[in-house]
C-alpha cells in the first residue's frame, strides 16, 4: 500500500497516524506540506527514521524545492518528481491518503 501524507507534522498528526498502520513492504510519500516531515530536525524525524527500517519513504521534490528545503532532507528518503509519484501510485495495489 502507498500511504500519502500531505499535512505538516506541526499542523496535524497525519504522519503519526499513518505510521501506526504501515506494514513492511508498504511505501510512504510526503507531498505538499507533508514534506516538512522529510527534513532534518523536525518533530517527527525519529519516528520516520524508525519506519524507514521497514518501509520505503519518498518525498515530492518539487514540493521540497517550493519550500526551500531540498537541501535538508533526511538521509534515506528518496526524492521523486511528479512522474515518479505516478509510478509509485501505479506500482502499489492500494493508496491511502492521510488528511
N, C-alpha and C. Protein backbone atom coordinates (compact mmCIF):
# COMPACT_ATOMS: atom_id res chain seq x y z
N UNK A 1 0.84 -1.18 0.00
CA UNK A 1 0.00 0.00 0.00
C UNK A 1 0.89 1.24 0.00
N UNK A 2 0.44 2.25 -0.72
CA UNK A 2 1.12 3.55 -0.72
C UNK A 2 0.36 4.48 0.22
N UNK A 3 1.04 4.98 1.22
CA UNK A 3 0.47 5.93 2.17
C UNK A 3 0.90 7.33 1.72
N UNK A 4 -0.06 8.24 1.59
CA UNK A 4 0.21 9.59 1.10
C UNK A 4 -0.11 10.57 2.22
N UNK A 5 0.91 11.34 2.62
CA UNK A 5 0.74 12.33 3.70
C UNK A 5 1.00 13.71 3.13
N UNK A 6 0.01 14.60 3.27
CA UNK A 6 0.16 15.96 2.73
C UNK A 6 0.07 17.05 3.79
N UNK A 7 0.06 16.68 5.06
CA UNK A 7 -0.02 17.67 6.14
C UNK A 7 1.29 17.73 6.91
N UNK A 8 1.66 18.92 7.32
CA UNK A 8 2.86 19.13 8.12
C UNK A 8 2.72 18.44 9.47
N UNK A 9 3.82 17.86 9.99
CA UNK A 9 3.75 17.27 11.33
C UNK A 9 3.54 18.33 12.41
N UNK A 10 3.70 19.59 12.06
CA UNK A 10 3.46 20.68 13.00
C UNK A 10 1.99 21.10 13.01
N UNK A 11 1.24 20.66 11.98
CA UNK A 11 -0.16 21.07 11.82
C UNK A 11 -1.13 19.98 12.27
N UNK A 12 -0.83 18.74 11.88
CA UNK A 12 -1.73 17.62 12.15
C UNK A 12 -0.90 16.39 12.51
N UNK A 13 -1.57 15.36 12.97
CA UNK A 13 -0.87 14.11 13.30
C UNK A 13 -1.04 13.06 12.20
N UNK A 14 -1.22 13.49 10.97
CA UNK A 14 -1.43 12.57 9.84
C UNK A 14 -0.27 11.59 9.68
N UNK A 15 0.95 12.08 9.81
CA UNK A 15 2.11 11.20 9.66
C UNK A 15 2.13 10.16 10.76
N UNK A 16 1.92 10.59 12.00
CA UNK A 16 1.91 9.63 13.11
C UNK A 16 0.83 8.58 12.92
N UNK A 17 -0.35 9.01 12.49
CA UNK A 17 -1.44 8.07 12.25
C UNK A 17 -1.06 7.07 11.17
N UNK A 18 -0.49 7.55 10.10
CA UNK A 18 -0.11 6.65 9.00
C UNK A 18 0.94 5.65 9.45
N UNK A 19 1.89 6.09 10.26
CA UNK A 19 2.97 5.21 10.70
C UNK A 19 2.46 4.08 11.59
N UNK A 20 1.33 4.26 12.22
CA UNK A 20 0.74 3.19 13.03
C UNK A 20 0.17 2.07 12.16
N UNK A 21 -0.14 2.39 10.91
CA UNK A 21 -0.79 1.42 10.03
C UNK A 21 0.10 0.86 8.92
N UNK A 22 1.27 1.43 8.72
CA UNK A 22 2.14 0.93 7.65
C UNK A 22 2.64 -0.47 8.01
N UNK A 23 2.81 -1.26 6.99
CA UNK A 23 3.33 -2.62 7.15
C UNK A 23 4.59 -2.75 6.33
N UNK A 24 5.42 -3.69 6.69
CA UNK A 24 6.63 -3.95 5.93
C UNK A 24 6.27 -4.16 4.47
N UNK A 25 7.02 -3.52 3.59
CA UNK A 25 6.74 -3.60 2.17
C UNK A 25 5.88 -2.47 1.65
N UNK A 26 5.28 -1.71 2.56
CA UNK A 26 4.50 -0.55 2.15
C UNK A 26 5.43 0.59 1.76
N UNK A 27 4.85 1.62 1.22
CA UNK A 27 5.61 2.82 0.88
C UNK A 27 4.85 4.03 1.42
N UNK A 28 5.60 5.08 1.70
CA UNK A 28 5.04 6.34 2.20
C UNK A 28 5.61 7.46 1.37
N UNK A 29 4.74 8.35 0.90
CA UNK A 29 5.22 9.53 0.19
C UNK A 29 4.71 10.77 0.90
N UNK A 30 5.61 11.72 1.06
CA UNK A 30 5.31 13.01 1.67
C UNK A 30 5.16 14.03 0.56
N UNK A 31 4.00 14.70 0.52
CA UNK A 31 3.73 15.69 -0.51
C UNK A 31 3.21 16.97 0.14
N UNK A 32 3.12 18.03 -0.64
CA UNK A 32 2.60 19.32 -0.18
C UNK A 32 3.29 19.68 1.14
N UNK A 33 2.54 20.08 2.18
CA UNK A 33 3.17 20.44 3.46
C UNK A 33 3.69 19.22 4.22
N UNK A 34 3.34 18.04 3.77
CA UNK A 34 3.88 16.83 4.39
C UNK A 34 5.38 16.71 4.25
N UNK A 35 5.96 17.43 3.26
CA UNK A 35 7.41 17.35 3.06
C UNK A 35 8.20 17.95 4.23
N UNK A 36 7.54 18.73 5.08
CA UNK A 36 8.25 19.24 6.27
C UNK A 36 8.76 18.08 7.13
N UNK A 37 8.06 16.95 7.10
CA UNK A 37 8.49 15.78 7.87
C UNK A 37 9.74 15.13 7.29
N UNK A 38 10.08 15.46 6.06
CA UNK A 38 11.25 14.86 5.39
C UNK A 38 12.54 15.59 5.73
N UNK A 39 12.46 16.66 6.51
CA UNK A 39 13.65 17.47 6.78
C UNK A 39 14.29 17.11 8.12
N UNK A 40 15.59 17.26 8.17
CA UNK A 40 16.35 17.01 9.39
C UNK A 40 15.91 17.97 10.49
N UNK A 41 15.76 17.43 11.70
CA UNK A 41 15.46 18.26 12.86
C UNK A 41 13.99 18.51 13.10
N UNK A 42 13.10 17.89 12.35
CA UNK A 42 11.67 18.13 12.58
C UNK A 42 11.17 17.25 13.72
N UNK A 43 9.96 17.53 14.20
CA UNK A 43 9.41 16.84 15.35
C UNK A 43 9.15 15.35 15.12
N UNK A 44 9.01 14.94 13.88
CA UNK A 44 8.70 13.54 13.56
C UNK A 44 9.91 12.77 13.04
N UNK A 45 11.08 13.38 13.05
CA UNK A 45 12.25 12.75 12.42
C UNK A 45 12.55 11.37 12.98
N UNK A 46 12.57 11.21 14.27
CA UNK A 46 12.94 9.92 14.86
C UNK A 46 11.95 8.82 14.47
N UNK A 47 10.66 9.11 14.54
CA UNK A 47 9.66 8.11 14.16
C UNK A 47 9.78 7.75 12.69
N UNK A 48 10.06 8.73 11.86
CA UNK A 48 10.22 8.48 10.43
C UNK A 48 11.45 7.62 10.18
N UNK A 49 12.55 7.91 10.87
CA UNK A 49 13.77 7.11 10.71
C UNK A 49 13.52 5.65 11.13
N UNK A 50 12.77 5.45 12.19
CA UNK A 50 12.45 4.09 12.63
C UNK A 50 11.62 3.37 11.58
N UNK A 51 10.65 4.06 11.00
CA UNK A 51 9.79 3.46 9.97
C UNK A 51 10.59 3.11 8.73
N UNK A 52 11.62 3.91 8.43
CA UNK A 52 12.42 3.69 7.23
C UNK A 52 13.20 2.38 7.27
N UNK A 53 13.27 1.75 8.43
CA UNK A 53 13.91 0.44 8.52
C UNK A 53 13.04 -0.66 7.91
N UNK A 54 11.74 -0.36 7.73
CA UNK A 54 10.80 -1.37 7.26
C UNK A 54 10.05 -0.99 5.98
N UNK A 55 10.01 0.31 5.69
CA UNK A 55 9.26 0.77 4.53
C UNK A 55 10.09 1.75 3.71
N UNK A 56 9.70 1.91 2.47
CA UNK A 56 10.33 2.91 1.60
C UNK A 56 9.64 4.25 1.82
N UNK A 57 10.44 5.31 1.97
CA UNK A 57 9.89 6.64 2.19
C UNK A 57 10.35 7.55 1.06
N UNK A 58 9.41 8.28 0.50
CA UNK A 58 9.66 9.19 -0.62
C UNK A 58 9.16 10.58 -0.24
N UNK A 59 9.70 11.58 -0.91
CA UNK A 59 9.21 12.95 -0.78
C UNK A 59 9.16 13.56 -2.17
N UNK A 60 8.14 14.37 -2.40
CA UNK A 60 7.97 15.01 -3.70
C UNK A 60 8.93 16.20 -3.80
N UNK A 61 9.91 16.04 -4.66
CA UNK A 61 10.98 17.04 -4.80
C UNK A 61 10.46 18.43 -5.15
N UNK A 62 9.51 18.59 -6.08
CA UNK A 62 9.03 19.95 -6.37
C UNK A 62 8.43 20.64 -5.15
N UNK A 63 7.79 19.88 -4.26
CA UNK A 63 7.23 20.49 -3.05
C UNK A 63 8.33 20.90 -2.07
N UNK A 64 9.39 20.10 -1.97
CA UNK A 64 10.54 20.48 -1.14
C UNK A 64 11.20 21.74 -1.69
N UNK A 65 11.38 21.78 -3.00
CA UNK A 65 12.01 22.94 -3.63
C UNK A 65 11.16 24.20 -3.46
N UNK A 66 9.86 24.06 -3.57
CA UNK A 66 8.96 25.22 -3.43
C UNK A 66 9.04 25.80 -2.02
N UNK A 67 9.42 24.98 -1.05
CA UNK A 67 9.51 25.43 0.34
C UNK A 67 10.96 25.72 0.75
N UNK A 68 11.88 25.63 -0.20
CA UNK A 68 13.28 25.93 0.07
C UNK A 68 13.97 24.91 0.97
N UNK A 69 13.52 23.66 0.94
CA UNK A 69 14.04 22.65 1.86
C UNK A 69 14.72 21.48 1.17
N UNK A 70 14.98 21.57 -0.10
CA UNK A 70 15.55 20.43 -0.83
C UNK A 70 16.91 20.00 -0.30
N UNK A 71 17.66 20.89 0.32
CA UNK A 71 18.98 20.56 0.84
C UNK A 71 18.99 20.06 2.27
N UNK A 72 17.82 19.88 2.88
CA UNK A 72 17.74 19.49 4.29
C UNK A 72 17.04 18.16 4.50
N UNK A 73 17.05 17.31 3.49
CA UNK A 73 16.28 16.06 3.53
C UNK A 73 17.01 14.99 4.36
N UNK A 74 16.25 14.27 5.15
CA UNK A 74 16.77 13.16 5.94
C UNK A 74 17.38 12.12 5.01
N UNK A 75 18.57 11.67 5.35
CA UNK A 75 19.24 10.65 4.54
C UNK A 75 18.39 9.39 4.47
N UNK A 76 18.25 8.86 3.28
CA UNK A 76 17.47 7.65 3.08
C UNK A 76 16.10 7.88 2.47
N UNK A 77 15.65 9.13 2.48
CA UNK A 77 14.38 9.45 1.83
C UNK A 77 14.67 9.71 0.36
N UNK A 78 13.95 9.01 -0.49
CA UNK A 78 14.15 9.16 -1.93
C UNK A 78 13.26 10.27 -2.47
N UNK A 79 13.86 11.18 -3.21
CA UNK A 79 13.11 12.27 -3.81
C UNK A 79 12.59 11.84 -5.17
N UNK A 80 11.33 12.17 -5.44
CA UNK A 80 10.71 11.83 -6.72
C UNK A 80 10.06 13.07 -7.31
N UNK A 81 9.95 13.07 -8.63
CA UNK A 81 9.23 14.14 -9.31
C UNK A 81 7.79 13.67 -9.51
N UNK A 82 7.00 14.46 -10.25
CA UNK A 82 5.59 14.09 -10.44
C UNK A 82 5.44 12.75 -11.17
N UNK A 83 6.30 12.50 -12.15
CA UNK A 83 6.26 11.22 -12.85
C UNK A 83 6.56 10.06 -11.92
N UNK A 84 7.51 10.27 -11.00
CA UNK A 84 7.84 9.25 -10.01
C UNK A 84 6.68 8.98 -9.06
N UNK A 85 5.95 10.04 -8.72
CA UNK A 85 4.76 9.90 -7.87
C UNK A 85 3.73 9.02 -8.58
N UNK A 86 3.50 9.29 -9.85
CA UNK A 86 2.56 8.48 -10.63
C UNK A 86 3.03 7.03 -10.68
N UNK A 87 4.32 6.82 -10.86
CA UNK A 87 4.86 5.45 -10.89
C UNK A 87 4.61 4.73 -9.57
N UNK A 88 4.77 5.44 -8.45
CA UNK A 88 4.52 4.83 -7.14
C UNK A 88 3.05 4.43 -7.00
N UNK A 89 2.16 5.31 -7.42
CA UNK A 89 0.72 5.00 -7.35
C UNK A 89 0.41 3.76 -8.18
N UNK A 90 0.98 3.68 -9.37
CA UNK A 90 0.72 2.54 -10.26
C UNK A 90 1.34 1.25 -9.74
N UNK A 91 2.42 1.35 -9.00
CA UNK A 91 3.14 0.16 -8.52
C UNK A 91 2.48 -0.48 -7.30
N UNK A 92 1.65 0.26 -6.60
CA UNK A 92 1.03 -0.25 -5.38
C UNK A 92 -0.42 -0.66 -5.65
N UNK A 93 -0.88 -1.73 -5.01
CA UNK A 93 -2.26 -2.17 -5.24
C UNK A 93 -3.31 -1.22 -4.66
N UNK A 94 -2.94 -0.49 -3.61
CA UNK A 94 -3.88 0.43 -2.95
C UNK A 94 -3.14 1.68 -2.51
N UNK A 95 -3.89 2.77 -2.36
CA UNK A 95 -3.34 4.02 -1.84
C UNK A 95 -4.24 4.52 -0.72
N UNK A 96 -3.63 5.11 0.29
CA UNK A 96 -4.37 5.69 1.41
C UNK A 96 -3.85 7.10 1.63
N UNK A 97 -4.73 8.08 1.49
CA UNK A 97 -4.36 9.47 1.77
C UNK A 97 -4.72 9.78 3.22
N UNK A 98 -3.78 10.38 3.93
CA UNK A 98 -3.97 10.72 5.33
C UNK A 98 -4.18 12.22 5.44
N UNK A 99 -5.36 12.62 5.89
CA UNK A 99 -5.71 14.04 5.95
C UNK A 99 -5.60 14.63 7.32
